[in-house]
Amino acid sequence: SLKVLGTVGEPINPDVWEWYFRIVGEGRCSIVDTWFQTETGGILITPLPGATDLKPGSATRPFFGVVPALLDADGNQLDG
């Protein structure tokens, strides 16, 4: 029986997340809705099943060792 469902690439939209949770996971499975880029070779932002509140459409928190930053067009880090 399934305990955890996963998505890869980018977070799925909230309507699809709800369908995935209710229909595929029968309302009992955690969803690991990840965000990463092929070039990074691994997950960058993801919820941790049982440790992170589930939020439809959101990948939630950075994975261990990942420090995200927002940059402008010139590569300067933005606050926010």
Protein backbone atom coordinates (compact mmCIF):
# COMPACT_ATOMS: atom_id res chain seq x y z
CA SER A 1 0.00 0.00 0.00
CA LEU A 2 1.14 3.52 -0.77
CA LYS A 3 2.37 5.80 2.02
CA VAL A 4 4.06 8.63 0.10
CA LEU A 5 3.34 10.10 -3.35
CA GLY A 6 5.90 12.13 -5.26
CA THR A 7 6.10 14.68 -8.05
CA VAL A 8 9.27 15.93 -9.72
CA GLY A 9 10.45 19.02 -11.55
CA GLU A 10 8.11 21.68 -10.24
CA PRO A 11 5.19 21.82 -7.81
CA ILE A 12 1.85 20.73 -9.27
CA ASN A 13 -1.01 23.24 -9.14
CA PRO A 14 -3.34 23.12 -6.11
CA ASP A 15 -6.27 21.52 -8.01
CA VAL A 16 -4.09 18.67 -9.27
CA TRP A 17 -2.50 18.34 -5.81
CA GLU A 18 -5.96 17.92 -4.24
CA TRP A 19 -6.92 15.29 -6.86
CA TYR A 20 -3.61 13.45 -6.36
CA PHE A 21 -4.09 13.47 -2.56
CA ARG A 22 -7.79 12.48 -2.53
CA ILE A 23 -8.01 10.06 -5.47
CA VAL A 24 -4.56 8.51 -5.93
CA GLY A 25 -3.49 8.69 -2.28
CA GLU A 26 -6.99 8.05 -0.93
CA GLY A 27 -6.57 11.00 1.48
CA ARG A 28 -3.93 9.24 3.55
CA CYS A 29 -0.60 9.63 1.73
CA SER A 30 1.93 12.42 2.19
CA ILE A 31 2.86 14.19 -1.04
CA VAL A 32 6.48 15.05 -1.75
CA ASP A 33 5.91 17.88 -4.25
CA THR A 34 9.45 18.81 -5.29
CA TRP A 35 11.21 21.58 -7.20
CA PHE A 36 14.54 21.14 -8.95
CA GLN A 37 16.28 21.71 -12.26
CA THR A 38 17.79 19.00 -14.44
CA GLU A 39 21.12 20.85 -14.34
CA THR A 40 21.32 20.64 -10.53
CA GLY A 41 21.18 16.86 -10.52
CA GLY A 42 18.99 16.72 -7.43
CA ILE A 43 16.07 18.08 -5.47
CA LEU A 44 16.44 21.66 -4.21
CA ILE A 45 13.14 22.36 -2.46
CA THR A 46 10.82 19.70 -1.04
CA PRO A 47 8.55 18.88 1.89
CA LEU A 48 9.68 16.07 4.18
CA PRO A 49 6.91 13.52 4.80
CA GLY A 50 5.78 13.61 8.42
CA ALA A 51 7.94 16.65 9.24
CA THR A 52 6.50 19.35 6.97
CA ASP A 53 2.92 20.56 6.80
CA LEU A 54 1.46 19.77 3.39
CA LYS A 55 0.54 22.81 1.29
CA PRO A 56 -1.08 22.28 -2.13
CA GLY A 57 0.96 23.87 -4.93
CA SER A 58 4.03 24.53 -2.79
CA ALA A 59 7.36 22.71 -2.59
CA THR A 60 7.72 24.32 0.89
CA ARG A 61 11.31 24.32 2.21
CA PRO A 62 14.90 24.00 0.95
CA PHE A 63 16.41 20.51 1.08
CA PHE A 64 19.33 19.90 3.46
CA GLY A 65 22.39 21.93 2.46
CA VAL A 66 20.51 24.10 -0.05
CA VAL A 67 20.54 27.87 0.53
CA PRO A 68 18.22 29.50 -2.03
CA ALA A 69 18.79 33.09 -3.16
CA LEU A 70 16.93 35.51 -5.43
CA LEU A 71 19.15 37.30 -7.96
CA ASP A 72 18.44 40.24 -10.24
CA ALA A 73 19.36 40.30 -13.95
CA ASP A 74 22.92 41.38 -13.04
CA GLY A 75 23.43 38.55 -10.55
CA ASN A 76 23.06 40.70 -7.44
CA GLN A 77 21.33 39.01 -4.53
CA LEU A 78 17.93 40.47 -3.62
CA ASP A 79 16.44 40.62 -0.15
CA GLY A 80 13.02 39.11 0.24
